[in-house]
Amino acid sequence: MLNKLLLLSGSVLLLCACSSSSHKSFRYMSDEELFVYNEDKAPMEQVICQERRHTSSRIRKKICLTVREIVNNKADTYQKLGVINSSVPAGAVSRGR
Protein backbone atom coordinates (compact mmCIF):
# COMPACT_ATOMS: atom_id res chain seq x y z
CA MET A 1 0.00 0.00 0.00
CA LEU A 2 2.83 2.38 0.86
CA ASN A 3 4.56 1.61 -2.44
CA LYS A 4 1.40 2.48 -4.39
CA LEU A 5 1.05 5.75 -2.47
CA LEU A 6 4.66 6.68 -3.15
CA LEU A 7 4.29 5.76 -6.82
CA LEU A 8 1.11 7.83 -7.11
CA SER A 9 2.60 10.88 -5.39
CA GLY A 10 5.75 10.59 -7.53
CA SER A 11 3.64 10.47 -10.69
CA VAL A 12 1.65 13.53 -9.62
CA LEU A 13 4.86 15.41 -8.85
CA LEU A 14 6.31 14.49 -12.24
CA LEU A 15 3.18 15.64 -14.07
CA CYS A 16 3.12 18.94 -12.19
CA ALA A 17 6.79 19.55 -12.98
CA CYS A 18 6.21 18.90 -16.67
CA SER A 19 3.18 21.16 -16.93
CA SER A 20 4.75 24.21 -15.31
CA SER A 21 7.37 26.10 -17.23
CA SER A 22 9.85 28.58 -15.84
CA HIS A 23 10.12 30.18 -19.30
CA LYS A 24 7.42 32.77 -19.86
CA SER A 25 5.96 33.00 -23.34
CA PHE A 26 7.26 36.01 -25.27
CA ARG A 27 3.69 36.96 -26.19
CA TYR A 28 2.92 37.67 -22.55
CA MET A 29 6.12 39.56 -21.73
CA SER A 30 6.09 43.31 -21.27
CA ASP A 31 8.38 45.52 -23.35
CA GLU A 32 10.71 45.81 -20.34
CA GLU A 33 10.90 42.04 -19.90
CA LEU A 34 11.71 41.59 -23.60
CA PHE A 35 14.40 44.27 -23.33
CA VAL A 36 16.02 42.43 -20.41
CA TYR A 37 15.75 39.09 -22.25
CA ASN A 38 17.38 40.53 -25.39
CA GLU A 39 20.26 42.26 -23.56
CA ASP A 40 22.63 39.29 -23.66
CA LYS A 41 21.46 37.82 -26.98
CA ALA A 42 23.24 38.10 -30.33
CA PRO A 43 21.45 40.50 -32.72
CA MET A 44 20.03 37.68 -34.87
CA GLU A 45 18.73 35.84 -31.77
CA GLN A 46 16.89 38.81 -30.26
CA VAL A 47 13.11 38.53 -30.07
CA ILE A 48 10.83 41.14 -31.62
CA CYS A 49 7.08 41.19 -30.97
CA GLN A 50 4.57 42.86 -33.26
CA GLU A 51 0.80 43.12 -33.21
CA ARG A 52 -0.64 41.93 -36.51
CA ARG A 53 -4.13 41.79 -37.87
CA HIS A 54 -5.09 39.25 -40.50
CA THR A 55 -7.14 40.53 -43.40
CA SER A 56 -10.07 38.30 -42.48
CA SER A 57 -10.22 39.47 -38.85
CA ARG A 58 -10.29 42.69 -36.86
CA ILE A 59 -8.64 41.00 -33.90
CA ARG A 60 -4.96 41.82 -33.46
CA LYS A 61 -2.60 39.03 -32.51
CA LYS A 62 0.82 39.48 -30.92
CA ILE A 63 3.47 37.63 -32.92
CA CYS A 64 6.97 37.16 -31.47
CA LEU A 65 9.88 35.99 -33.61
CA THR A 66 13.65 36.17 -33.51
CA VAL A 67 15.35 38.49 -35.98
CA ARG A 68 16.71 35.40 -37.75
CA GLU A 69 13.18 34.01 -38.19
CA ILE A 70 11.93 37.36 -39.54
CA VAL A 71 14.80 37.57 -42.06
CA ASN A 72 14.30 33.94 -43.16
CA ASN A 73 10.53 34.42 -43.52
CA LYS A 74 11.01 37.54 -45.65
CA ALA A 75 13.64 35.84 -47.83
CA ASP A 76 11.33 32.85 -48.34
CA THR A 77 8.44 35.13 -49.26
CA TYR A 78 10.52 37.14 -51.74
CA GLN A 79 11.83 33.96 -53.30
CA LYS A 80 8.32 32.51 -53.64
CA LEU A 81 7.11 35.72 -55.24
CA GLY A 82 10.05 35.73 -57.67
CA VAL A 83 11.19 39.16 -56.50
CA ILE A 84 14.79 38.04 -56.11
CA ASN A 85 16.47 37.55 -59.46
CA SER A 86 19.89 36.01 -58.89
CA SER A 87 20.98 36.61 -62.50
CA VAL A 88 21.01 40.41 -62.04
CA PRO A 89 23.99 41.75 -60.04
CA ALA A 90 23.21 43.81 -56.95
CA GLY A 91 22.55 47.42 -57.88
CA ALA A 92 21.96 46.67 -61.57
CA VAL A 93 18.66 47.60 -63.17
CA SER A 94 16.89 44.92 -65.18
CA ARG A 95 15.34 46.27 -68.40
CA GLY A 96 13.10 43.21 -68.88
CA ARG A 97 14.29 42.37 -72.44
C-alpha atoms as a PDB file:
ATOM      1  CA  MET A   1       0.000   0.000   0.000  1.00  0.00           C
ATOM      2  CA  LEU A   2       2.831   2.380   0.863  1.00  0.00           C
ATOM      3  CA  ASN A   3       4.563   1.607  -2.443  1.00  0.00           C
ATOM      4  CA  LYS A   4       1.399   2.481  -4.390  1.00  0.00           C
ATOM      5  CA  LEU A   5       1.047   5.749  -2.468  1.00  0.00           C
ATOM      6  CA  LEU A   6       4.661   6.677  -3.153  1.00  0.00           C
ATOM      7  CA  LEU A   7       4.292   5.756  -6.821  1.00  0.00           C
ATOM      8  CA  LEU A   8       1.111   7.830  -7.113  1.00  0.00           C
ATOM      9  CA  SER A   9       2.603  10.882  -5.391  1.00  0.00           C
ATOM     10  CA  GLY A  10       5.749  10.595  -7.529  1.00  0.00           C
ATOM     11  CA  SER A  11       3.639  10.466 -10.692  1.00  0.00           C
ATOM     12  CA  VAL A  12       1.653  13.529  -9.619  1.00  0.00           C
ATOM     13  CA  LEU A  13       4.858  15.411  -8.849  1.00  0.00           C
ATOM     14  CA  LEU A  14       6.306  14.491 -12.235  1.00  0.00           C
ATOM     15  CA  LEU A  15       3.177  15.639 -14.066  1.00  0.00           C
ATOM     16  CA  CYS A  16       3.123  18.945 -12.193  1.00  0.00           C
ATOM     17  CA  ALA A  17       6.791  19.547 -12.979  1.00  0.00           C
ATOM     18  CA  CYS A  18       6.210  18.901 -16.667  1.00  0.00           C
ATOM     19  CA  SER A  19       3.184  21.164 -16.934  1.00  0.00           C
ATOM     20  CA  SER A  20       4.746  24.207 -15.311  1.00  0.00           C
ATOM     21  CA  SER A  21       7.371  26.104 -17.231  1.00  0.00           C
ATOM     22  CA  SER A  22       9.847  28.585 -15.840  1.00  0.00           C
ATOM     23  CA  HIS A  23      10.122  30.178 -19.298  1.00  0.00           C
ATOM     24  CA  LYS A  24       7.425  32.770 -19.856  1.00  0.00           C
ATOM     25  CA  SER A  25       5.957  32.996 -23.341  1.00  0.00           C
ATOM     26  CA  PHE A  26       7.257  36.011 -25.274  1.00  0.00           C
ATOM     27  CA  ARG A  27       3.687  36.960 -26.195  1.00  0.00           C
ATOM     28  CA  TYR A  28       2.917  37.670 -22.548  1.00  0.00           C
ATOM     29  CA  MET A  29       6.119  39.556 -21.730  1.00  0.00           C
ATOM     30  CA  SER A  30       6.086  43.310 -21.272  1.00  0.00           C
ATOM     31  CA  ASP A  31       8.384  45.524 -23.346  1.00  0.00           C
ATOM     32  CA  GLU A  32      10.708  45.815 -20.343  1.00  0.00           C
ATOM     33  CA  GLU A  33      10.896  42.038 -19.898  1.00  0.00           C
ATOM     34  CA  LEU A  34      11.709  41.594 -23.597  1.00  0.00           C
ATOM     35  CA  PHE A  35      14.402  44.269 -23.332  1.00  0.00           C
ATOM     36  CA  VAL A  36      16.023  42.433 -20.407  1.00  0.00           C
ATOM     37  CA  TYR A  37      15.750  39.087 -22.251  1.00  0.00           C
ATOM     38  CA  ASN A  38      17.383  40.531 -25.390  1.00  0.00           C
ATOM     39  CA  GLU A  39      20.258  42.263 -23.561  1.00  0.00           C
ATOM     40  CA  ASP A  40      22.629  39.286 -23.664  1.00  0.00           C
ATOM     41  CA  LYS A  41      21.462  37.818 -26.982  1.00  0.00           C
ATOM     42  CA  ALA A  42      23.236  38.098 -30.329  1.00  0.00           C
ATOM     43  CA  PRO A  43      21.446  40.503 -32.716  1.00  0.00           C
ATOM     44  CA  MET A  44      20.035  37.679 -34.870  1.00  0.00           C
ATOM     45  CA  GLU A  45      18.733  35.844 -31.771  1.00  0.00           C
ATOM     46  CA  GLN A  46      16.888  38.808 -30.257  1.00  0.00           C
ATOM     47  CA  VAL A  47      13.111  38.532 -30.070  1.00  0.00           C
ATOM     48  CA  ILE A  48      10.831  41.139 -31.624  1.00  0.00           C
ATOM     49  CA  CYS A  49       7.083  41.194 -30.974  1.00  0.00           C
ATOM     50  CA  GLN A  50       4.566  42.864 -33.265  1.00  0.00           C
ATOM     51  CA  GLU A  51       0.801  43.122 -33.212  1.00  0.00           C
ATOM     52  CA  ARG A  52      -0.638  41.931 -36.508  1.00  0.00           C
ATOM     53  CA  ARG A  53      -4.131  41.786 -37.874  1.00  0.00           C
ATOM     54  CA  HIS A  54      -5.090  39.248 -40.495  1.00  0.00           C
ATOM     55  CA  THR A  55      -7.136  40.528 -43.402  1.00  0.00           C
ATOM     56  CA  SER A  56     -10.066  38.303 -42.479  1.00  0.00           C
ATOM     57  CA  SER A  57     -10.218  39.473 -38.855  1.00  0.00           C
ATOM     58  CA  ARG A  58     -10.289  42.687 -36.862  1.00  0.00           C
ATOM     59  CA  ILE A  59      -8.636  40.998 -33.896  1.00  0.00           C
ATOM     60  CA  ARG A  60      -4.964  41.819 -33.456  1.00  0.00           C
ATOM     61  CA  LYS A  61      -2.597  39.032 -32.512  1.00  0.00           C
ATOM     62  CA  LYS A  62       0.820  39.475 -30.920  1.00  0.00           C
ATOM     63  CA  ILE A  63       3.474  37.625 -32.919  1.00  0.00           C
ATOM     64  CA  CYS A  64       6.969  37.165 -31.471  1.00  0.00           C
ATOM     65  CA  LEU A  65       9.884  35.988 -33.608  1.00  0.00           C
ATOM     66  CA  THR A  66      13.652  36.171 -33.508  1.00  0.00           C
ATOM     67  CA  VAL A  67      15.352  38.493 -35.978  1.00  0.00           C
ATOM     68  CA  ARG A  68      16.714  35.398 -37.751  1.00  0.00           C
ATOM     69  CA  GLU A  69      13.176  34.008 -38.187  1.00  0.00           C
ATOM     70  CA  ILE A  70      11.934  37.355 -39.541  1.00  0.00           C
ATOM     71  CA  VAL A  71      14.800  37.572 -42.061  1.00  0.00           C
ATOM     72  CA  ASN A  72      14.301  33.941 -43.158  1.00  0.00           C
ATOM     73  CA  ASN A  73      10.526  34.425 -43.521  1.00  0.00           C
ATOM     74  CA  LYS A  74      11.008  37.541 -45.654  1.00  0.00           C
ATOM     75  CA  ALA A  75      13.640  35.837 -47.833  1.00  0.00           C
ATOM     76  CA  ASP A  76      11.333  32.852 -48.343  1.00  0.00           C
ATOM     77  CA  THR A  77       8.443  35.131 -49.259  1.00  0.00           C
ATOM     78  CA  TYR A  78      10.525  37.142 -51.738  1.00  0.00           C
ATOM     79  CA  GLN A  79      11.832  33.962 -53.296  1.00  0.00           C
ATOM     80  CA  LYS A  80       8.324  32.511 -53.636  1.00  0.00           C
ATOM     81  CA  LEU A  81       7.111  35.719 -55.243  1.00  0.00           C
ATOM     82  CA  GLY A  82      10.045  35.726 -57.672  1.00  0.00           C
ATOM     83  CA  VAL A  83      11.190  39.157 -56.499  1.00  0.00           C
ATOM     84  CA  ILE A  84      14.787  38.044 -56.112  1.00  0.00           C
ATOM     85  CA  ASN A  85      16.472  37.546 -59.457  1.00  0.00           C
ATOM     86  CA  SER A  86      19.891  36.015 -58.886  1.00  0.00           C
ATOM     87  CA  SER A  87      20.984  36.609 -62.501  1.00  0.00           C
ATOM     88  CA  VAL A  88      21.011  40.406 -62.042  1.00  0.00           C
ATOM     89  CA  PRO A  89      23.985  41.752 -60.041  1.00  0.00           C
ATOM     90  CA  ALA A  90      23.215  43.813 -56.951  1.00  0.00           C
ATOM     91  CA  GLY A  91      22.551  47.422 -57.876  1.00  0.00           C
ATOM     92  CA  ALA A  92      21.955  46.668 -61.567  1.00  0.00           C
ATOM     93  CA  VAL A  93      18.656  47.595 -63.173  1.00  0.00           C
ATOM     94  CA  SER A  94      16.892  44.921 -65.179  1.00  0.00           C
ATOM     95  CA  ARG A  95      15.339  46.274 -68.404  1.00  0.00           C
ATOM     96  CA  GLY A  96      13.103  43.210 -68.881  1.00  0.00           C
ATOM     97  CA  ARG A  97      14.289  42.366 -72.439  1.00  0.00           C
END
